[in-house]
């Protein structure tokens, strides 16, 4: 699937707010929403969301995380403890991540209809990115 890079500093700078605090807060909220809304069969897909700085993660995560709690905790810890907060990247390297996001599964199956996940027919990243600007505005308003 590649990666989704979150860089909100240019939006927040216009509001003369504390960029790093807003970037961290928005990143945690956005990444948590993506992880929570990821479809679950075994929990492997949720477990494979990886949070990094500028460079996307490589490789896969062993195991599962059906609730997404451990993955969200990992993302939150990384974002909170990163020395700078100009950019965070959320990556899922499972080979079927792009199919979950964009469809294309051949035919219908127990978890798909028309090539799309029954649990997330509109993907998980795209629907949450659409809420991106309102998250920035909400968090920027909190920072004085």
N, C-alpha and C. Protein backbone atom coordinates (compact mmCIF):
# COMPACT_ATOMS: atom_id res chain seq x y z
N UNK A 1 0.82 -1.18 0.00
CA UNK A 1 0.00 0.00 0.00
C UNK A 1 0.86 1.24 0.00
N UNK A 2 2.05 1.14 0.48
CA UNK A 2 2.87 2.32 0.61
C UNK A 2 2.61 2.99 1.93
N UNK A 3 2.58 4.30 1.93
CA UNK A 3 2.43 5.00 3.19
C UNK A 3 1.53 6.20 3.06
N UNK A 4 1.08 6.67 4.19
CA UNK A 4 0.32 7.90 4.27
C UNK A 4 1.14 8.84 5.12
N UNK A 5 1.54 9.95 4.56
CA UNK A 5 2.39 10.89 5.25
C UNK A 5 1.55 12.05 5.75
N UNK A 6 1.66 12.35 7.03
CA UNK A 6 0.89 13.42 7.64
C UNK A 6 1.81 14.60 7.90
N UNK A 7 1.60 15.71 7.19
CA UNK A 7 2.38 16.92 7.38
C UNK A 7 1.41 18.08 7.48
N UNK A 8 1.11 18.50 8.70
CA UNK A 8 0.12 19.55 8.91
C UNK A 8 0.74 20.89 9.28
N UNK A 9 2.04 20.97 9.34
CA UNK A 9 2.68 22.18 9.84
C UNK A 9 2.30 23.42 9.05
N UNK A 10 2.15 23.32 7.73
CA UNK A 10 1.82 24.52 6.94
C UNK A 10 0.41 25.03 7.25
N UNK A 11 -0.52 24.12 7.58
CA UNK A 11 -1.87 24.55 7.93
C UNK A 11 -1.89 25.22 9.30
N UNK A 12 -1.20 24.62 10.24
CA UNK A 12 -1.20 25.12 11.60
C UNK A 12 -0.43 26.43 11.70
N UNK A 13 0.64 26.57 10.94
CA UNK A 13 1.45 27.79 11.00
C UNK A 13 0.62 29.02 10.66
N UNK A 14 -0.34 28.87 9.78
CA UNK A 14 -1.21 29.99 9.41
C UNK A 14 -2.00 30.48 10.61
N UNK A 15 -2.30 29.61 11.53
CA UNK A 15 -3.09 29.98 12.69
C UNK A 15 -2.20 30.44 13.85
N UNK A 16 -0.89 30.53 13.61
CA UNK A 16 0.07 30.95 14.65
C UNK A 16 -0.07 30.12 15.93
N UNK A 17 -0.15 28.85 15.77
CA UNK A 17 -0.32 27.95 16.91
C UNK A 17 0.97 27.16 17.14
N UNK A 18 1.00 26.42 18.22
CA UNK A 18 2.13 25.56 18.53
C UNK A 18 2.07 24.36 17.59
N UNK A 19 2.87 24.41 16.53
CA UNK A 19 2.82 23.42 15.47
C UNK A 19 3.06 22.00 15.99
N UNK A 20 4.09 21.82 16.77
CA UNK A 20 4.42 20.46 17.20
C UNK A 20 3.32 19.84 18.05
N UNK A 21 2.73 20.60 18.95
CA UNK A 21 1.67 20.05 19.80
C UNK A 21 0.47 19.64 18.96
N UNK A 22 0.11 20.46 18.00
CA UNK A 22 -1.03 20.16 17.15
C UNK A 22 -0.73 18.96 16.24
N UNK A 23 0.46 18.92 15.66
CA UNK A 23 0.83 17.80 14.79
C UNK A 23 0.77 16.49 15.56
N UNK A 24 1.31 16.49 16.77
CA UNK A 24 1.28 15.26 17.57
C UNK A 24 -0.17 14.83 17.87
N UNK A 25 -0.96 15.77 18.31
CA UNK A 25 -2.34 15.45 18.69
C UNK A 25 -3.17 14.98 17.50
N UNK A 26 -3.07 15.69 16.39
CA UNK A 26 -3.82 15.31 15.19
C UNK A 26 -3.34 13.96 14.67
N UNK A 27 -2.04 13.74 14.69
CA UNK A 27 -1.49 12.46 14.21
C UNK A 27 -2.02 11.30 15.04
N UNK A 28 -2.01 11.46 16.36
CA UNK A 28 -2.52 10.39 17.22
C UNK A 28 -3.99 10.12 16.93
N UNK A 29 -4.78 11.17 16.82
CA UNK A 29 -6.21 10.98 16.55
C UNK A 29 -6.45 10.35 15.18
N UNK A 30 -5.78 10.85 14.17
CA UNK A 30 -5.98 10.33 12.82
C UNK A 30 -5.50 8.89 12.69
N UNK A 31 -4.30 8.60 13.17
CA UNK A 31 -3.77 7.25 13.07
C UNK A 31 -4.62 6.27 13.88
N UNK A 32 -5.09 6.70 15.06
CA UNK A 32 -5.94 5.83 15.88
C UNK A 32 -7.24 5.51 15.15
N UNK A 33 -7.83 6.50 14.50
CA UNK A 33 -9.07 6.27 13.75
C UNK A 33 -8.85 5.29 12.60
N UNK A 34 -7.74 5.45 11.89
CA UNK A 34 -7.43 4.53 10.78
C UNK A 34 -7.28 3.11 11.31
N UNK A 35 -6.55 2.95 12.39
CA UNK A 35 -6.34 1.62 12.96
C UNK A 35 -7.65 1.02 13.45
N UNK A 36 -8.46 1.80 14.18
CA UNK A 36 -9.73 1.30 14.70
C UNK A 36 -10.71 0.91 13.60
N UNK A 37 -10.68 1.63 12.48
CA UNK A 37 -11.61 1.36 11.40
C UNK A 37 -11.10 0.33 10.40
N UNK A 38 -9.91 -0.20 10.64
CA UNK A 38 -9.38 -1.25 9.78
C UNK A 38 -10.17 -2.53 9.96
N UNK A 39 -10.51 -3.19 8.85
CA UNK A 39 -11.28 -4.42 8.96
C UNK A 39 -10.51 -5.51 9.71
N UNK A 40 -11.27 -6.37 10.38
CA UNK A 40 -10.65 -7.42 11.19
C UNK A 40 -11.19 -8.78 10.80
N UNK A 41 -10.29 -9.64 10.43
CA UNK A 41 -10.60 -11.06 10.30
C UNK A 41 -9.81 -11.77 11.39
N UNK A 42 -8.49 -11.63 11.35
CA UNK A 42 -7.64 -12.22 12.39
C UNK A 42 -7.01 -11.14 13.27
N UNK A 43 -6.95 -9.91 12.79
CA UNK A 43 -6.28 -8.83 13.50
C UNK A 43 -4.90 -8.55 12.95
N UNK A 44 -4.50 -9.30 11.94
CA UNK A 44 -3.16 -9.12 11.34
C UNK A 44 -3.05 -7.76 10.65
N UNK A 45 -4.10 -7.34 9.96
CA UNK A 45 -4.07 -6.05 9.27
C UNK A 45 -3.90 -4.91 10.26
N UNK A 46 -4.68 -4.92 11.33
CA UNK A 46 -4.55 -3.87 12.35
C UNK A 46 -3.15 -3.88 12.97
N UNK A 47 -2.62 -5.04 13.22
CA UNK A 47 -1.30 -5.15 13.85
C UNK A 47 -0.19 -4.61 12.96
N UNK A 48 -0.42 -4.55 11.66
CA UNK A 48 0.64 -4.15 10.73
C UNK A 48 0.67 -2.66 10.40
N UNK A 49 -0.13 -1.85 11.07
CA UNK A 49 0.03 -0.40 10.92
C UNK A 49 1.25 0.00 11.72
N UNK A 50 2.20 0.64 11.04
CA UNK A 50 3.46 1.04 11.67
C UNK A 50 3.64 2.54 11.57
N UNK A 51 4.00 3.16 12.68
CA UNK A 51 4.19 4.60 12.73
C UNK A 51 5.68 4.91 12.77
N UNK A 52 6.09 5.81 11.88
CA UNK A 52 7.48 6.25 11.82
C UNK A 52 7.50 7.76 11.63
N UNK A 53 8.70 8.29 11.50
CA UNK A 53 8.85 9.72 11.21
C UNK A 53 8.71 9.95 9.72
N UNK A 54 9.74 10.48 9.12
CA UNK A 54 9.71 10.84 7.71
C UNK A 54 9.70 9.62 6.79
N UNK A 55 10.48 8.62 7.11
CA UNK A 55 10.62 7.45 6.23
C UNK A 55 9.60 6.38 6.57
N UNK A 56 8.90 5.86 5.56
CA UNK A 56 7.93 4.79 5.80
C UNK A 56 8.59 3.54 6.37
N UNK A 57 7.86 2.81 7.18
CA UNK A 57 8.34 1.55 7.74
C UNK A 57 8.48 0.53 6.62
N UNK A 58 9.38 -0.42 6.84
CA UNK A 58 9.54 -1.53 5.92
C UNK A 58 9.25 -2.81 6.70
N UNK A 59 8.93 -3.86 5.99
CA UNK A 59 8.71 -5.13 6.65
C UNK A 59 7.31 -5.26 7.23
N UNK A 60 7.11 -6.39 7.89
CA UNK A 60 5.81 -6.73 8.45
C UNK A 60 5.93 -6.98 9.95
N UNK A 61 4.82 -6.88 10.64
CA UNK A 61 4.75 -7.15 12.07
C UNK A 61 4.18 -8.56 12.24
N UNK A 62 4.83 -9.36 13.06
CA UNK A 62 4.32 -10.71 13.34
C UNK A 62 3.19 -10.60 14.36
N UNK A 63 2.25 -11.48 14.28
CA UNK A 63 1.19 -11.52 15.26
C UNK A 63 -0.06 -10.76 14.83
N UNK A 64 -0.99 -10.65 15.75
CA UNK A 64 -2.27 -10.02 15.47
C UNK A 64 -2.62 -9.03 16.57
N UNK A 65 -3.54 -8.15 16.27
CA UNK A 65 -4.05 -7.18 17.24
C UNK A 65 -5.52 -6.91 16.89
N UNK A 66 -6.41 -7.85 17.21
CA UNK A 66 -7.81 -7.71 16.80
C UNK A 66 -8.49 -6.43 17.27
N UNK A 67 -8.15 -5.93 18.45
CA UNK A 67 -8.78 -4.71 18.94
C UNK A 67 -8.09 -3.45 18.44
N UNK A 68 -6.84 -3.58 18.04
CA UNK A 68 -6.06 -2.43 17.60
C UNK A 68 -5.42 -1.68 18.75
N UNK A 69 -5.70 -2.08 19.97
CA UNK A 69 -5.19 -1.37 21.14
C UNK A 69 -3.68 -1.30 21.23
N UNK A 70 -3.02 -2.41 21.00
CA UNK A 70 -1.55 -2.43 21.08
C UNK A 70 -0.94 -1.59 19.97
N UNK A 71 -1.53 -1.63 18.80
CA UNK A 71 -1.02 -0.85 17.67
C UNK A 71 -1.21 0.64 17.91
N UNK A 72 -2.36 1.01 18.45
CA UNK A 72 -2.61 2.41 18.79
C UNK A 72 -1.65 2.88 19.88
N UNK A 73 -1.41 2.03 20.87
CA UNK A 73 -0.46 2.37 21.93
C UNK A 73 0.94 2.58 21.36
N UNK A 74 1.33 1.72 20.43
CA UNK A 74 2.64 1.85 19.81
C UNK A 74 2.75 3.16 19.03
N UNK A 75 1.72 3.48 18.26
CA UNK A 75 1.72 4.74 17.49
C UNK A 75 1.76 5.94 18.42
N UNK A 76 0.96 5.90 19.47
CA UNK A 76 0.91 7.01 20.43
C UNK A 76 2.26 7.20 21.12
N UNK A 77 2.88 6.11 21.51
CA UNK A 77 4.19 6.19 22.16
C UNK A 77 5.22 6.78 21.22
N UNK A 78 5.24 6.33 19.98
CA UNK A 78 6.20 6.86 19.01
C UNK A 78 5.99 8.35 18.80
N UNK A 79 4.74 8.75 18.56
CA UNK A 79 4.43 10.16 18.29
C UNK A 79 4.74 11.03 19.50
N UNK A 80 4.39 10.57 20.67
CA UNK A 80 4.62 11.33 21.89
C UNK A 80 6.10 11.53 22.18
N UNK A 81 6.90 10.50 21.93
CA UNK A 81 8.32 10.53 22.28
C UNK A 81 9.25 10.96 21.16
N UNK A 82 8.73 11.18 19.97
CA UNK A 82 9.59 11.61 18.85
C UNK A 82 10.23 12.96 19.20
N UNK A 83 11.52 13.13 18.91
CA UNK A 83 12.18 14.39 19.26
C UNK A 83 11.61 15.60 18.52
N UNK A 84 11.15 15.41 17.31
CA UNK A 84 10.50 16.49 16.58
C UNK A 84 9.19 15.98 16.02
N UNK A 85 8.28 16.90 15.74
CA UNK A 85 6.95 16.50 15.29
C UNK A 85 6.56 17.25 14.03
N UNK A 86 7.39 17.20 13.04
CA UNK A 86 7.05 17.86 11.78
C UNK A 86 6.35 16.92 10.82
N UNK A 87 6.60 15.63 10.94
CA UNK A 87 5.96 14.68 10.04
C UNK A 87 5.97 13.29 10.66
N UNK A 88 4.81 12.62 10.55
CA UNK A 88 4.70 11.22 10.95
C UNK A 88 4.11 10.45 9.79
N UNK A 89 4.53 9.20 9.65
CA UNK A 89 4.09 8.37 8.54
C UNK A 89 3.46 7.10 9.09
N UNK A 90 2.30 6.76 8.56
CA UNK A 90 1.61 5.52 8.93
C UNK A 90 1.67 4.60 7.72
N UNK A 91 2.19 3.39 7.92
CA UNK A 91 2.42 2.45 6.82
C UNK A 91 1.85 1.09 7.17
N UNK A 92 1.26 0.44 6.17
CA UNK A 92 0.84 -0.95 6.32
C UNK A 92 1.37 -1.69 5.08
N UNK A 93 2.32 -2.58 5.29
CA UNK A 93 3.00 -3.26 4.19
C UNK A 93 2.43 -4.62 3.82
N UNK A 94 1.29 -4.99 4.38
CA UNK A 94 0.70 -6.26 3.99
C UNK A 94 0.31 -6.21 2.52
N UNK A 95 0.49 -7.30 1.80
CA UNK A 95 0.22 -7.27 0.37
C UNK A 95 -1.22 -6.95 0.01
N UNK A 96 -2.16 -7.18 0.91
CA UNK A 96 -3.56 -6.91 0.61
C UNK A 96 -4.04 -5.56 1.13
N UNK A 97 -3.15 -4.74 1.64
CA UNK A 97 -3.53 -3.42 2.17
C UNK A 97 -4.15 -2.54 1.08
N UNK A 98 -3.58 -2.56 -0.10
CA UNK A 98 -4.11 -1.73 -1.19
C UNK A 98 -5.51 -2.19 -1.60
N UNK A 99 -5.76 -3.49 -1.56
CA UNK A 99 -7.09 -4.02 -1.91
C UNK A 99 -8.11 -3.58 -0.86
N UNK A 100 -7.72 -3.56 0.41
CA UNK A 100 -8.64 -3.10 1.45
C UNK A 100 -8.95 -1.62 1.23
N UNK A 101 -7.96 -0.85 0.86
CA UNK A 101 -8.16 0.59 0.68
C UNK A 101 -8.90 0.92 -0.61
N UNK A 102 -8.54 0.26 -1.71
CA UNK A 102 -9.05 0.66 -3.03
C UNK A 102 -9.93 -0.37 -3.71
N UNK A 103 -10.14 -1.53 -3.09
CA UNK A 103 -10.93 -2.57 -3.73
C UNK A 103 -10.09 -3.34 -4.73
N UNK A 104 -10.73 -4.18 -5.50
CA UNK A 104 -10.03 -4.93 -6.52
C UNK A 104 -9.89 -6.41 -6.22
N UNK A 105 -10.50 -6.87 -5.13
CA UNK A 105 -10.48 -8.30 -4.86
C UNK A 105 -11.28 -8.98 -5.96
N UNK A 106 -10.74 -10.03 -6.56
CA UNK A 106 -11.46 -10.67 -7.67
C UNK A 106 -12.72 -11.40 -7.21
N UNK A 107 -13.85 -10.82 -7.54
CA UNK A 107 -15.13 -11.44 -7.21
C UNK A 107 -15.55 -11.21 -5.77
N UNK A 108 -16.60 -11.91 -5.40
CA UNK A 108 -17.12 -11.80 -4.04
C UNK A 108 -16.59 -12.96 -3.21
N UNK A 109 -16.40 -12.70 -1.95
CA UNK A 109 -15.95 -13.73 -1.02
C UNK A 109 -16.64 -13.54 0.31
N UNK A 110 -16.25 -14.31 1.29
CA UNK A 110 -16.90 -14.19 2.60
C UNK A 110 -16.69 -12.81 3.25
N UNK A 111 -15.63 -12.12 2.87
CA UNK A 111 -15.33 -10.82 3.47
C UNK A 111 -15.41 -9.67 2.47
N UNK A 112 -15.78 -9.98 1.22
CA UNK A 112 -15.80 -8.95 0.18
C UNK A 112 -17.09 -8.97 -0.62
N UNK A 113 -17.44 -7.81 -1.14
CA UNK A 113 -18.55 -7.66 -2.06
C UNK A 113 -18.11 -6.72 -3.16
N UNK A 114 -18.22 -7.16 -4.39
CA UNK A 114 -17.82 -6.31 -5.51
C UNK A 114 -16.35 -5.92 -5.48
N UNK A 115 -15.53 -6.74 -4.85
CA UNK A 115 -14.11 -6.47 -4.79
C UNK A 115 -13.69 -5.62 -3.60
N UNK A 116 -14.66 -5.17 -2.77
CA UNK A 116 -14.37 -4.31 -1.62
C UNK A 116 -14.63 -5.05 -0.32
N UNK A 117 -13.89 -4.67 0.70
CA UNK A 117 -14.09 -5.22 2.04
C UNK A 117 -15.50 -4.89 2.51
N UNK A 118 -16.21 -5.87 3.06
CA UNK A 118 -17.53 -5.62 3.60
C UNK A 118 -17.45 -4.72 4.84
N UNK A 119 -16.36 -4.81 5.59
CA UNK A 119 -16.21 -4.01 6.79
C UNK A 119 -15.76 -2.58 6.50
N UNK A 120 -15.04 -2.39 5.41
CA UNK A 120 -14.52 -1.05 5.07
C UNK A 120 -14.62 -0.82 3.56
N UNK A 121 -15.84 -0.75 3.03
CA UNK A 121 -15.99 -0.65 1.58
C UNK A 121 -15.42 0.63 0.96
N UNK A 122 -15.22 1.66 1.76
CA UNK A 122 -14.64 2.91 1.25
C UNK A 122 -13.20 3.08 1.70
N UNK A 123 -12.57 2.00 2.15
CA UNK A 123 -11.20 2.08 2.63
C UNK A 123 -11.16 2.58 4.07
N UNK A 124 -9.97 2.76 4.58
CA UNK A 124 -9.81 3.26 5.94
C UNK A 124 -9.00 4.55 5.98
N UNK A 125 -8.04 4.67 5.10
CA UNK A 125 -7.21 5.88 5.10
C UNK A 125 -7.99 7.03 4.48
N UNK A 126 -8.55 6.81 3.32
CA UNK A 126 -9.23 7.89 2.59
C UNK A 126 -10.38 8.51 3.39
N UNK A 127 -11.19 7.70 4.03
CA UNK A 127 -12.33 8.25 4.77
C UNK A 127 -11.88 9.06 5.97
N UNK A 128 -10.76 8.69 6.55
CA UNK A 128 -10.25 9.44 7.69
C UNK A 128 -9.50 10.69 7.27
N UNK A 129 -8.84 10.64 6.14
CA UNK A 129 -8.14 11.84 5.64
C UNK A 129 -9.15 12.93 5.32
N UNK A 130 -10.36 12.56 4.91
CA UNK A 130 -11.38 13.56 4.61
C UNK A 130 -11.72 14.36 5.87
N UNK A 131 -11.52 13.76 7.04
CA UNK A 131 -11.76 14.47 8.30
C UNK A 131 -10.54 15.26 8.75
N UNK A 132 -9.48 15.18 7.99
CA UNK A 132 -8.18 15.77 8.30
C UNK A 132 -8.27 17.25 8.68
N UNK A 133 -8.86 18.07 7.86
CA UNK A 133 -8.90 19.51 8.12
C UNK A 133 -9.69 19.84 9.38
N UNK A 134 -10.79 19.13 9.62
CA UNK A 134 -11.55 19.43 10.84
C UNK A 134 -10.77 19.03 12.08
N UNK A 135 -9.96 17.96 12.00
CA UNK A 135 -9.11 17.58 13.13
C UNK A 135 -8.08 18.66 13.41
N UNK A 136 -7.49 19.20 12.35
CA UNK A 136 -6.50 20.27 12.52
C UNK A 136 -7.15 21.48 13.18
N UNK A 137 -8.28 21.88 12.68
CA UNK A 137 -8.97 23.05 13.25
C UNK A 137 -9.32 22.82 14.71
N UNK A 138 -9.81 21.63 15.02
CA UNK A 138 -10.20 21.30 16.39
C UNK A 138 -8.99 21.36 17.34
N UNK A 139 -7.89 20.76 16.93
CA UNK A 139 -6.70 20.73 17.78
C UNK A 139 -6.02 22.09 17.85
N UNK A 140 -5.99 22.81 16.74
CA UNK A 140 -5.35 24.13 16.73
C UNK A 140 -6.11 25.09 17.65
N UNK A 141 -7.41 24.94 17.75
CA UNK A 141 -8.21 25.81 18.61
C UNK A 141 -7.89 25.57 20.09
N UNK A 142 -7.40 24.38 20.43
CA UNK A 142 -7.08 24.06 21.81
C UNK A 142 -5.75 24.66 22.25
N UNK A 143 -4.88 24.95 21.30
CA UNK A 143 -3.53 25.42 21.61
C UNK A 143 -3.55 26.94 21.67
N UNK A 144 -3.02 27.48 22.72
CA UNK A 144 -2.99 28.94 22.90
C UNK A 144 -1.59 29.45 22.85
